[in-house]
Amino acid sequence: MDSAAVNLSGDWDPANLLEMTTGIRYSRFRIKLPANEIYDAVKLTPANLTGNLHLILSLRPNLKLVSNIGRGFRPPNIFDLATLGLLRQNHICICRRNHPGRARHRTQ
């Protein structure tokens, strides 16, 4: 897996009562899995834009109201792409060659 990202952040303090911090990030990933006798090759390029916003409001000299909102992203890992092997007690998951990305469960 290869990845690249651009991140921007900034602080803003318009008055002694309010502080604001923001951030934005663009992430792009390149995932390649080679084919084998069980499944076909996989090539994905997921990308996403994430960000956050933090606000601090000073209500009194020793009392602050803090808020925070954000959005995250996680690219798929190998376990997300293809779950192979024993799942639970007597079930096994295998990928079907004629339907890339789809798995079928079968009882042993």
PDB file of N, CA and C in Angstrom:
ATOM      1  N   MET A   1       0.851  -1.169   0.000  1.00  0.00           N
ATOM      2  CA  MET A   1       0.000   0.000   0.000  1.00  0.00           C
ATOM      3  C   MET A   1       0.896   1.231   0.000  1.00  0.00           C
ATOM      4  N   ASP A   2       0.606   2.156  -0.891  1.00  0.00           N
ATOM      5  CA  ASP A   2       1.265   3.457  -0.937  1.00  0.00           C
ATOM      6  C   ASP A   2       0.228   4.520  -0.591  1.00  0.00           C
ATOM      7  N   SER A   3       0.690   5.626  -0.003  1.00  0.00           N
ATOM      8  CA  SER A   3      -0.253   6.692   0.331  1.00  0.00           C
ATOM      9  C   SER A   3       0.397   8.060   0.176  1.00  0.00           C
ATOM     10  N   ALA A   4      -0.439   9.054  -0.040  1.00  0.00           N
ATOM     11  CA  ALA A   4      -0.007  10.449  -0.102  1.00  0.00           C
ATOM     12  C   ALA A   4      -1.114  11.294   0.503  1.00  0.00           C
ATOM     13  N   ALA A   5      -0.729  12.412   1.112  1.00  0.00           N
ATOM     14  CA  ALA A   5      -1.736  13.269   1.757  1.00  0.00           C
ATOM     15  C   ALA A   5      -1.268  14.715   1.777  1.00  0.00           C
ATOM     16  N   VAL A   6      -2.245  15.612   1.794  1.00  0.00           N
ATOM     17  CA  VAL A   6      -2.005  17.040   1.959  1.00  0.00           C
ATOM     18  C   VAL A   6      -2.843  17.483   3.150  1.00  0.00           C
ATOM     19  N   ASN A   7      -2.208  18.197   4.073  1.00  0.00           N
ATOM     20  CA  ASN A   7      -2.882  18.607   5.294  1.00  0.00           C
ATOM     21  C   ASN A   7      -2.739  20.111   5.480  1.00  0.00           C
ATOM     22  N   LEU A   8      -3.843  20.787   5.758  1.00  0.00           N
ATOM     23  CA  LEU A   8      -3.836  22.215   6.053  1.00  0.00           C
ATOM     24  C   LEU A   8      -4.517  22.437   7.400  1.00  0.00           C
ATOM     25  N   SER A   9      -3.955  23.321   8.209  1.00  0.00           N
ATOM     26  CA  SER A   9      -4.593  23.633   9.485  1.00  0.00           C
ATOM     27  C   SER A   9      -4.397  25.116   9.792  1.00  0.00           C
ATOM     28  N   GLY A  10      -5.277  25.629  10.620  1.00  0.00           N
ATOM     29  CA  GLY A  10      -5.168  27.038  10.967  1.00  0.00           C
ATOM     30  C   GLY A  10      -5.808  27.352  12.298  1.00  0.00           C
ATOM     31  N   ASP A  11      -5.327  28.402  12.917  1.00  0.00           N
ATOM     32  CA  ASP A  11      -5.864  28.895  14.190  1.00  0.00           C
ATOM     33  C   ASP A  11      -6.419  30.289  13.972  1.00  0.00           C
ATOM     34  N   TRP A  12      -7.507  30.583  14.646  1.00  0.00           N
ATOM     35  CA  TRP A  12      -8.121  31.898  14.546  1.00  0.00           C
ATOM     36  C   TRP A  12      -8.570  32.305  15.938  1.00  0.00           C
ATOM     37  N   ASP A  13      -8.184  33.479  16.345  1.00  0.00           N
ATOM     38  CA  ASP A  13      -8.517  34.007  17.673  1.00  0.00           C
ATOM     39  C   ASP A  13      -9.044  35.432  17.509  1.00  0.00           C
ATOM     40  N   PRO A  14     -10.323  35.574  17.097  1.00  0.00           N
ATOM     41  CA  PRO A  14     -10.857  36.910  16.799  1.00  0.00           C
ATOM     42  C   PRO A  14     -11.033  37.798  18.031  1.00  0.00           C
ATOM     43  N   ALA A  15     -11.196  37.195  19.171  1.00  0.00           N
ATOM     44  CA  ALA A  15     -11.377  37.963  20.410  1.00  0.00           C
ATOM     45  C   ALA A  15     -10.886  37.108  21.566  1.00  0.00           C
ATOM     46  N   ASN A  16     -10.753  37.711  22.699  1.00  0.00           N
ATOM     47  CA  ASN A  16     -10.306  36.949  23.867  1.00  0.00           C
ATOM     48  C   ASN A  16     -11.335  35.919  24.309  1.00  0.00           C
ATOM     49  N   LEU A  17     -12.565  36.028  23.804  1.00  0.00           N
ATOM     50  CA  LEU A  17     -13.626  35.109  24.219  1.00  0.00           C
ATOM     51  C   LEU A  17     -13.687  33.826  23.396  1.00  0.00           C
ATOM     52  N   LEU A  18     -13.184  33.848  22.176  1.00  0.00           N
ATOM     53  CA  LEU A  18     -13.353  32.720  21.265  1.00  0.00           C
ATOM     54  C   LEU A  18     -12.026  32.344  20.599  1.00  0.00           C
ATOM     55  N   GLU A  19     -11.745  31.044  20.564  1.00  0.00           N
ATOM     56  CA  GLU A  19     -10.596  30.505  19.831  1.00  0.00           C
ATOM     57  C   GLU A  19     -11.121  29.433  18.884  1.00  0.00           C
ATOM     58  N   MET A  20     -10.589  29.382  17.674  1.00  0.00           N
ATOM     59  CA  MET A  20     -11.032  28.382  16.700  1.00  0.00           C
ATOM     60  C   MET A  20      -9.812  27.766  16.025  1.00  0.00           C
ATOM     61  N   THR A  21      -9.823  26.443  15.896  1.00  0.00           N
ATOM     62  CA  THR A  21      -8.790  25.709  15.177  1.00  0.00           C
ATOM     63  C   THR A  21      -9.481  24.819  14.155  1.00  0.00           C
ATOM     64  N   THR A  22      -9.017  24.850  12.924  1.00  0.00           N
ATOM     65  CA  THR A  22      -9.599  24.026  11.864  1.00  0.00           C
ATOM     66  C   THR A  22      -8.496  23.245  11.163  1.00  0.00           C
ATOM     67  N   GLY A  23      -8.891  22.172  10.536  1.00  0.00           N
ATOM     68  CA  GLY A  23      -7.955  21.371   9.763  1.00  0.00           C
ATOM     69  C   GLY A  23      -8.678  20.633   8.659  1.00  0.00           C
ATOM     70  N   ILE A  24      -7.990  20.424   7.562  1.00  0.00           N
ATOM     71  CA  ILE A  24      -8.540  19.674   6.436  1.00  0.00           C
ATOM     72  C   ILE A  24      -7.414  18.821   5.856  1.00  0.00           C
ATOM     73  N   ARG A  25      -7.768  17.618   5.416  1.00  0.00           N
ATOM     74  CA  ARG A  25      -6.761  16.687   4.891  1.00  0.00           C
ATOM     75  C   ARG A  25      -7.349  15.918   3.712  1.00  0.00           C
ATOM     76  N   TYR A  26      -6.588  15.855   2.632  1.00  0.00           N
ATOM     77  CA  TYR A  26      -6.935  15.012   1.487  1.00  0.00           C
ATOM     78  C   TYR A  26      -5.952  13.856   1.473  1.00  0.00           C
ATOM     79  N   SER A  27      -6.477  12.638   1.493  1.00  0.00           N
ATOM     80  CA  SER A  27      -5.646  11.431   1.503  1.00  0.00           C
ATOM     81  C   SER A  27      -5.978  10.568   0.297  1.00  0.00           C
ATOM     82  N   ARG A  28      -4.949   9.977  -0.289  1.00  0.00           N
ATOM     83  CA  ARG A  28      -5.127   9.067  -1.425  1.00  0.00           C
ATOM     84  C   ARG A  28      -4.239   7.852  -1.192  1.00  0.00           C
ATOM     85  N   PHE A  29      -4.785   6.683  -1.479  1.00  0.00           N
ATOM     86  CA  PHE A  29      -4.076   5.435  -1.252  1.00  0.00           C
ATOM     87  C   PHE A  29      -4.053   4.610  -2.534  1.00  0.00           C
ATOM     88  N   ARG A  30      -3.014   3.824  -2.705  1.00  0.00           N
ATOM     89  CA  ARG A  30      -2.932   2.890  -3.823  1.00  0.00           C
ATOM     90  C   ARG A  30      -2.667   1.512  -3.222  1.00  0.00           C
ATOM     91  N   ILE A  31      -3.609   0.619  -3.445  1.00  0.00           N
ATOM     92  CA  ILE A  31      -3.537  -0.726  -2.877  1.00  0.00           C
ATOM     93  C   ILE A  31      -3.487  -1.735  -4.015  1.00  0.00           C
ATOM     94  N   LYS A  32      -2.483  -2.598  -3.995  1.00  0.00           N
ATOM     95  CA  LYS A  32      -2.359  -3.650  -5.006  1.00  0.00           C
ATOM     96  C   LYS A  32      -2.130  -4.979  -4.304  1.00  0.00           C
ATOM     97  N   LEU A  33      -2.949  -5.949  -4.655  1.00  0.00           N
ATOM     98  CA  LEU A  33      -2.765  -7.315  -4.163  1.00  0.00           C
ATOM     99  C   LEU A  33      -2.621  -8.227  -5.372  1.00  0.00           C
ATOM    100  N   PRO A  34      -1.581  -9.039  -5.420  1.00  0.00           N
ATOM    101  CA  PRO A  34      -1.399  -9.916  -6.572  1.00  0.00           C
ATOM    102  C   PRO A  34      -2.416 -11.055  -6.575  1.00  0.00           C
ATOM    103  N   ALA A  35      -2.675 -11.567  -7.757  1.00  0.00           N
ATOM    104  CA  ALA A  35      -3.579 -12.722  -7.889  1.00  0.00           C
ATOM    105  C   ALA A  35      -2.877 -13.978  -7.402  1.00  0.00           C
ATOM    106  N   ASN A  36      -3.660 -14.945  -7.001  1.00  0.00           N
ATOM    107  CA  ASN A  36      -3.132 -16.276  -6.706  1.00  0.00           C
ATOM    108  C   ASN A  36      -4.173 -17.292  -7.150  1.00  0.00           C
ATOM    109  N   GLU A  37      -4.004 -18.529  -6.736  1.00  0.00           N
ATOM    110  CA  GLU A  37      -4.922 -19.576  -7.198  1.00  0.00           C
ATOM    111  C   GLU A  37      -6.323 -19.448  -6.598  1.00  0.00           C
ATOM    112  N   ILE A  38      -6.491 -18.630  -5.581  1.00  0.00           N
ATOM    113  CA  ILE A  38      -7.793 -18.492  -4.927  1.00  0.00           C
ATOM    114  C   ILE A  38      -8.555 -17.264  -5.414  1.00  0.00           C
ATOM    115  N   TYR A  39      -7.884 -16.127  -5.597  1.00  0.00           N
ATOM    116  CA  TYR A  39      -8.597 -14.909  -5.983  1.00  0.00           C
ATOM    117  C   TYR A  39      -7.821 -14.114  -7.031  1.00  0.00           C
ATOM    118  N   ASP A  40      -8.548 -13.234  -7.729  1.00  0.00           N
ATOM    119  CA  ASP A  40      -7.957 -12.384  -8.761  1.00  0.00           C
ATOM    120  C   ASP A  40      -7.192 -11.225  -8.124  1.00  0.00           C
ATOM    121  N   ALA A  41      -6.361 -10.559  -8.923  1.00  0.00           N
ATOM    122  CA  ALA A  41      -5.612  -9.397  -8.455  1.00  0.00           C
ATOM    123  C   ALA A  41      -6.580  -8.267  -8.083  1.00  0.00           C
ATOM    124  N   VAL A  42      -6.173  -7.467  -7.121  1.00  0.00           N
ATOM    125  CA  VAL A  42      -6.983  -6.342  -6.657  1.00  0.00           C
ATOM    126  C   VAL A  42      -6.155  -5.071  -6.783  1.00  0.00           C
ATOM    127  N   LYS A  43      -6.743  -4.025  -7.376  1.00  0.00           N
ATOM    128  CA  LYS A  43      -6.107  -2.711  -7.444  1.00  0.00           C
ATOM    129  C   LYS A  43      -7.157  -1.659  -7.099  1.00  0.00           C
ATOM    130  N   LEU A  44      -6.932  -0.953  -5.994  1.00  0.00           N
ATOM    131  CA  LEU A  44      -7.866   0.072  -5.534  1.00  0.00           C
ATOM    132  C   LEU A  44      -7.116   1.378  -5.307  1.00  0.00           C
ATOM    133  N   THR A  45      -7.805   2.493  -5.506  1.00  0.00           N
ATOM    134  CA  THR A  45      -7.233   3.806  -5.214  1.00  0.00           C
ATOM    135  C   THR A  45      -8.240   4.645  -4.429  1.00  0.00           C
ATOM    136  N   PRO A  46      -8.522   4.271  -3.178  1.00  0.00           N
ATOM    137  CA  PRO A  46      -9.460   5.063  -2.384  1.00  0.00           C
ATOM    138  C   PRO A  46      -8.864   6.430  -2.030  1.00  0.00           C
ATOM    139  N   ALA A  47      -9.709   7.437  -2.003  1.00  0.00           N
ATOM    140  CA  ALA A  47      -9.297   8.787  -1.625  1.00  0.00           C
ATOM    141  C   ALA A  47     -10.431   9.415  -0.821  1.00  0.00           C
ATOM    142  N   ASN A  48     -10.071  10.366   0.050  1.00  0.00           N
ATOM    143  CA  ASN A  48     -11.096  10.982   0.878  1.00  0.00           C
ATOM    144  C   ASN A  48     -10.636  12.324   1.404  1.00  0.00           C
ATOM    145  N   LEU A  49     -11.598  13.173   1.700  1.00  0.00           N
ATOM    146  CA  LEU A  49     -11.353  14.477   2.292  1.00  0.00           C
ATOM    147  C   LEU A  49     -11.917  14.453   3.713  1.00  0.00           C
ATOM    148  N   THR A  50     -11.080  14.768   4.686  1.00  0.00           N
ATOM    149  CA  THR A  50     -11.501  14.759   6.083  1.00  0.00           C
ATOM    150  C   THR A  50     -11.182  16.121   6.703  1.00  0.00           C
ATOM    151  N   GLY A  51     -11.776  16.378   7.856  1.00  0.00           N
ATOM    152  CA  GLY A  51     -11.506  17.649   8.507  1.00  0.00           C
ATOM    153  C   GLY A  51     -11.990  17.689   9.934  1.00  0.00           C
ATOM    154  N   ASN A  52     -11.666  18.788  10.611  1.00  0.00           N
ATOM    155  CA  ASN A  52     -12.103  18.961  11.990  1.00  0.00           C
ATOM    156  C   ASN A  52     -12.245  20.445  12.312  1.00  0.00           C
ATOM    157  N   LEU A  53     -12.998  20.716  13.361  1.00  0.00           N
ATOM    158  CA  LEU A  53     -13.218  22.069  13.842  1.00  0.00           C
ATOM    159  C   LEU A  53     -13.267  22.028  15.366  1.00  0.00           C
ATOM    160  N   HIS A  54     -12.458  22.862  16.001  1.00  0.00           N
ATOM    161  CA  HIS A  54     -12.416  22.968  17.464  1.00  0.00           C
ATOM    162  C   HIS A  54     -12.744  24.405  17.852  1.00  0.00           C
ATOM    163  N   LEU A  55     -13.667  24.572  18.770  1.00  0.00           N
ATOM    164  CA  LEU A  55     -14.026  25.899  19.274  1.00  0.00           C
ATOM    165  C   LEU A  55     -13.853  25.926  20.788  1.00  0.00           C
ATOM    166  N   ILE A  56     -13.287  27.015  21.275  1.00  0.00           N
ATOM    167  CA  ILE A  56     -13.149  27.225  22.723  1.00  0.00           C
ATOM    168  C   ILE A  56     -13.730  28.592  23.041  1.00  0.00           C
ATOM    169  N   LEU A  57     -14.744  28.603  23.877  1.00  0.00           N
ATOM    170  CA  LEU A  57     -15.408  29.827  24.279  1.00  0.00           C
ATOM    171  C   LEU A  57     -15.097  30.076  25.760  1.00  0.00           C
ATOM    172  N   SER A  58     -14.491  31.203  26.051  1.00  0.00           N
ATOM    173  CA  SER A  58     -14.166  31.560  27.441  1.00  0.00           C
ATOM    174  C   SER A  58     -15.389  32.196  28.086  1.00  0.00           C
ATOM    175  N   LEU A  59     -15.984  31.479  29.011  1.00  0.00           N
ATOM    176  CA  LEU A  59     -17.172  31.981  29.707  1.00  0.00           C
ATOM    177  C   LEU A  59     -16.800  32.867  30.887  1.00  0.00           C
ATOM    178  N   ARG A  60     -15.733  32.473  31.589  1.00  0.00           N
ATOM    179  CA  ARG A  60     -15.187  33.214  32.729  1.00  0.00           C
ATOM    180  C   ARG A  60     -13.670  33.039  32.675  1.00  0.00           C
ATOM    181  N   PRO A  61     -12.937  33.738  33.490  1.00  0.00           N
ATOM    182  CA  PRO A  61     -11.476  33.575  33.462  1.00  0.00           C
ATOM    183  C   PRO A  61     -11.013  32.130  33.716  1.00  0.00           C
ATOM    184  N   ASN A  62     -11.737  31.383  34.508  1.00  0.00           N
ATOM    185  CA  ASN A  62     -11.328  30.010  34.803  1.00  0.00           C
ATOM    186  C   ASN A  62     -12.346  28.963  34.315  1.00  0.00           C
ATOM    187  N   LEU A  63     -13.220  29.337  33.376  1.00  0.00           N
ATOM    188  CA  LEU A  63     -14.237  28.418  32.857  1.00  0.00           C
ATOM    189  C   LEU A  63     -14.343  28.562  31.336  1.00  0.00           C
ATOM    190  N   LYS A  64     -14.139  27.444  30.640  1.00  0.00           N
ATOM    191  CA  LYS A  64     -14.198  27.450  29.175  1.00  0.00           C
ATOM    192  C   LYS A  64     -15.139  26.357  28.683  1.00  0.00           C
ATOM    193  N   LEU A  65     -15.841  26.664  27.607  1.00  0.00           N
ATOM    194  CA  LEU A  65     -16.691  25.688  26.929  1.00  0.00           C
ATOM    195  C   LEU A  65     -15.936  25.239  25.671  1.00  0.00           C
ATOM    196  N   VAL A  66     -15.699  23.946  25.562  1.00  0.00           N
ATOM    197  CA  VAL A  66     -14.907  23.403  24.461  1.00  0.00           C
ATOM    198  C   VAL A  66     -15.794  22.506  23.606  1.00  0.00           C
ATOM    199  N   SER A  67     -15.767  22.697  22.294  1.00  0.00           N
ATOM    200  CA  SER A  67     -16.515  21.825  21.376  1.00  0.00           C
ATOM    201  C   SER A  67     -15.571  21.347  20.281  1.00  0.00           C
ATOM    202  N   ASN A  68     -15.934  20.224  19.706  1.00  0.00           N
ATOM    203  CA  ASN A  68     -15.056  19.573  18.750  1.00  0.00           C
ATOM    204  C   ASN A  68     -15.904  18.748  17.798  1.00  0.00           C
ATOM    205  N   ILE A  69     -15.675  18.869  16.508  1.00  0.00           N
ATOM    206  CA  ILE A  69     -16.348  18.034  15.528  1.00  0.00           C
ATOM    207  C   ILE A  69     -15.324  17.675  14.461  1.00  0.00           C
ATOM    208  N   GLY A  70     -15.418  16.449  13.951  1.00  0.00           N
ATOM    209  CA  GLY A  70     -14.461  16.016  12.939  1.00  0.00           C
ATOM    210  C   GLY A  70     -14.984  14.824  12.166  1.00  0.00           C
ATOM    211  N   ARG A  71     -14.318  14.549  11.074  1.00  0.00           N
ATOM    212  CA  ARG A  71     -14.655  13.409  10.224  1.00  0.00           C
ATOM    213  C   ARG A  71     -13.364  12.684   9.888  1.00  0.00           C
ATOM    214  N   GLY A  72     -13.372  11.362  10.032  1.00  0.00           N
ATOM    215  CA  GLY A  72     -12.183  10.574   9.758  1.00  0.00           C
ATOM    216  C   GLY A  72     -12.387   9.604   8.611  1.00  0.00           C
ATOM    217  N   PHE A  73     -11.322   8.978   8.184  1.00  0.00           N
ATOM    218  CA  PHE A  73     -11.346   8.015   7.082  1.00  0.00           C
ATOM    219  C   PHE A  73     -10.246   6.996   7.301  1.00  0.00           C
ATOM    220  N   ARG A  74     -10.558   5.733   7.045  1.00  0.00           N
ATOM    221  CA  ARG A  74      -9.568   4.662   7.095  1.00  0.00           C
ATOM    222  C   ARG A  74      -9.669   3.888   5.792  1.00  0.00           C
ATOM    223  N   PRO A  75      -8.563   3.727   5.073  1.00  0.00           N
ATOM    224  CA  PRO A  75      -8.633   2.942   3.838  1.00  0.00           C
ATOM    225  C   PRO A  75      -8.827   1.469   4.176  1.00  0.00           C
ATOM    226  N   PRO A  76      -9.334   0.685   3.235  1.00  0.00           N
ATOM    227  CA  PRO A  76      -9.498  -0.743   3.500  1.00  0.00           C
ATOM    228  C   PRO A  76      -8.139  -1.419   3.675  1.00  0.00           C
ATOM    229  N   ASN A  77      -8.077  -2.347   4.589  1.00  0.00           N
ATOM    230  CA  ASN A  77      -6.848  -3.120   4.743  1.00  0.00           C
ATOM    231  C   ASN A  77      -7.056  -4.504   4.125  1.00  0.00           C
ATOM    232  N   ILE A  78      -6.076  -5.353   4.216  1.00  0.00           N
ATOM    233  CA  ILE A  78      -6.150  -6.663   3.566  1.00  0.00           C
ATOM    234  C   ILE A  78      -7.304  -7.495   4.113  1.00  0.00           C
ATOM    235  N   PHE A  79      -7.643  -7.330   5.368  1.00  0.00           N
ATOM    236  CA  PHE A  79      -8.746  -8.100   5.947  1.00  0.00           C
ATOM    237  C   PHE A  79     -10.097  -7.603   5.441  1.00  0.00           C
ATOM    238  N   ASP A  80     -10.189  -6.302   5.117  1.00  0.00           N
ATOM    239  CA  ASP A  80     -11.410  -5.766   4.529  1.00  0.00           C
ATOM    240  C   ASP A  80     -11.581  -6.230   3.087  1.00  0.00           C
ATOM    241  N   LEU A  81     -10.471  -6.344   2.363  1.00  0.00           N
ATOM    242  CA  LEU A  81     -10.521  -6.684   0.945  1.00  0.00           C
ATOM    243  C   LEU A  81     -10.868  -8.149   0.709  1.00  0.00           C
ATOM    244  N   ALA A  82     -10.327  -9.013   1.495  1.00  0.00           N
ATOM    245  CA  ALA A  82     -10.579 -10.446   1.301  1.00  0.00           C
ATOM    246  C   ALA A  82     -10.413 -11.165   2.629  1.00  0.00           C
ATOM    247  N   THR A  83     -11.507 -11.600   3.186  1.00  0.00           N
ATOM    248  CA  THR A  83     -11.451 -12.390   4.402  1.00  0.00           C
ATOM    249  C   THR A  83     -11.375 -13.848   3.979  1.00  0.00           C
ATOM    250  N   LEU A  84     -10.253 -14.438   4.227  1.00  0.00           N
ATOM    251  CA  LEU A  84     -10.046 -15.826   3.833  1.00  0.00           C
ATOM    252  C   LEU A  84      -9.778 -16.657   5.076  1.00  0.00           C
ATOM    253  N   GLY A  85     -10.266 -17.851   5.076  1.00  0.00           N
ATOM    254  CA  GLY A  85      -9.991 -18.748   6.179  1.00  0.00           C
ATOM    255  C   GLY A  85     -11.171 -18.942   7.102  1.00  0.00           C
ATOM    256  N   LEU A  86     -10.899 -19.501   8.251  1.00  0.00           N
ATOM    257  CA  LEU A  86     -11.925 -19.857   9.218  1.00  0.00           C
ATOM    258  C   LEU A  86     -12.542 -18.600   9.829  1.00  0.00           C
ATOM    259  N   LEU A  87     -13.859 -18.489   9.789  1.00  0.00           N
ATOM    260  CA  LEU A  87     -14.559 -17.339  10.345  1.00  0.00           C
ATOM    261  C   LEU A  87     -15.103 -17.626  11.736  1.00  0.00           C
ATOM    262  N   ARG A  88     -15.869 -18.657  11.874  1.00  0.00           N
ATOM    263  CA  ARG A  88     -16.415 -19.048  13.163  1.00  0.00           C
ATOM    264  C   ARG A  88     -16.704 -20.536  13.110  1.00  0.00           C
ATOM    265  N   GLN A  89     -16.627 -21.190  14.140  1.00  0.00           N
ATOM    266  CA  GLN A  89     -16.801 -22.629  14.311  1.00  0.00           C
ATOM    267  C   GLN A  89     -16.616 -23.429  13.022  1.00  0.00           C
ATOM    268  N   ASN A  90     -17.645 -23.602  12.223  1.00  0.00           N
ATOM    269  CA  ASN A  90     -17.509 -24.468  11.052  1.00  0.00           C
ATOM    270  C   ASN A  90     -17.751 -23.726   9.736  1.00  0.00           C
ATOM    271  N   HIS A  91     -17.543 -22.405   9.693  1.00  0.00           N
ATOM    272  CA  HIS A  91     -17.731 -21.633   8.472  1.00  0.00           C
ATOM    273  C   HIS A  91     -16.383 -21.168   7.925  1.00  0.00           C
ATOM    274  N   ILE A  92     -16.268 -21.171   6.621  1.00  0.00           N
ATOM    275  CA  ILE A  92     -15.061 -20.685   5.962  1.00  0.00           C
ATOM    276  C   ILE A  92     -15.479 -19.708   4.862  1.00  0.00           C
ATOM    277  N   CYS A  93     -14.698 -18.692   4.634  1.00  0.00           N
ATOM    278  CA  CYS A  93     -15.010 -17.684   3.629  1.00  0.00           C
ATOM    279  C   CYS A  93     -14.002 -17.801   2.488  1.00  0.00           C
ATOM    280  N   ILE A  94     -14.493 -17.876   1.263  1.00  0.00           N
ATOM    281  CA  ILE A  94     -13.616 -17.922   0.096  1.00  0.00           C
ATOM    282  C   ILE A  94     -14.088 -16.888  -0.911  1.00  0.00           C
ATOM    283  N   CYS A  95     -13.168 -16.322  -1.677  1.00  0.00           N
ATOM    284  CA  CYS A  95     -13.536 -15.357  -2.713  1.00  0.00           C
ATOM    285  C   CYS A  95     -13.833 -16.104  -4.000  1.00  0.00           C
ATOM    286  N   ARG A  96     -14.847 -15.631  -4.703  1.00  0.00           N
ATOM    287  CA  ARG A  96     -15.251 -16.262  -5.953  1.00  0.00           C
ATOM    288  C   ARG A  96     -14.578 -15.551  -7.114  1.00  0.00           C
ATOM    289  N   ARG A  97     -13.910 -16.308  -7.980  1.00  0.00           N
ATOM    290  CA  ARG A  97     -13.177 -15.728  -9.093  1.00  0.00           C
ATOM    291  C   ARG A  97     -14.093 -14.986 -10.068  1.00  0.00           C
ATOM    292  N   ASN A  98     -15.291 -15.465 -10.298  1.00  0.00           N
ATOM    293  CA  ASN A  98     -16.158 -14.840 -11.290  1.00  0.00           C
ATOM    294  C   ASN A  98     -16.914 -13.633 -10.738  1.00  0.00           C
ATOM    295  N   HIS A  99     -16.753 -13.332  -9.459  1.00  0.00           N
ATOM    296  CA  HIS A  99     -17.378 -12.160  -8.850  1.00  0.00           C
ATOM    297  C   HIS A  99     -16.349 -11.457  -7.969  1.00  0.00           C
ATOM    298  N   PRO A 100     -15.439 -10.647  -8.579  1.00  0.00           N
ATOM    299  CA  PRO A 100     -14.392  -9.997  -7.778  1.00  0.00           C
ATOM    300  C   PRO A 100     -14.983  -9.165  -6.648  1.00  0.00           C
ATOM    301  N   GLY A 101     -14.371  -9.264  -5.507  1.00  0.00           N
ATOM    302  CA  GLY A 101     -14.801  -8.474  -4.368  1.00  0.00           C
ATOM    303  C   GLY A 101     -15.939  -9.084  -3.569  1.00  0.00           C
ATOM    304  N   ARG A 102     -16.521 -10.162  -4.056  1.00  0.00           N
ATOM    305  CA  ARG A 102     -17.605 -10.804  -3.308  1.00  0.00           C
ATOM    306  C   ARG A 102     -17.098 -12.110  -2.715  1.00  0.00           C
ATOM    307  N   ALA A 103     -17.533 -12.372  -1.541  1.00  0.00           N
ATOM    308  CA  ALA A 103     -17.125 -13.594  -0.858  1.00  0.00           C
ATOM    309  C   ALA A 103     -18.349 -14.494  -0.668  1.00  0.00           C
ATOM    310  N   ARG A 104     -18.079 -15.768  -0.498  1.00  0.00           N
ATOM    311  CA  ARG A 104     -19.159 -16.726  -0.292  1.00  0.00           C
ATOM    312  C   ARG A 104     -18.793 -17.533   0.947  1.00  0.00           C
ATOM    313  N   HIS A 105     -19.755 -17.781   1.774  1.00  0.00           N
ATOM    314  CA  HIS A 105     -19.532 -18.569   2.979  1.00  0.00           C
ATOM    315  C   HIS A 105     -19.975 -19.998   2.719  1.00  0.00           C
ATOM    316  N   ARG A 106     -19.205 -20.913   3.222  1.00  0.00           N
ATOM    317  CA  ARG A 106     -19.601 -22.306   3.083  1.00  0.00           C
ATOM    318  C   ARG A 106     -19.301 -23.014   4.394  1.00  0.00           C
ATOM    319  N   THR A 107     -20.093 -24.009   4.690  1.00  0.00           N
ATOM    320  CA  THR A 107     -19.910 -24.806   5.909  1.00  0.00           C
ATOM    321  C   THR A 107     -18.970 -25.940   5.602  1.00  0.00           C
ATOM    322  N   GLN A 108     -18.022 -26.157   6.505  1.00  0.00           N
ATOM    323  CA  GLN A 108     -17.049 -27.244   6.325  1.00  0.00           C
ATOM    324  C   GLN A 108     -17.694 -28.578   6.637  1.00  0.00           C
TER     325      GLN A 108
END
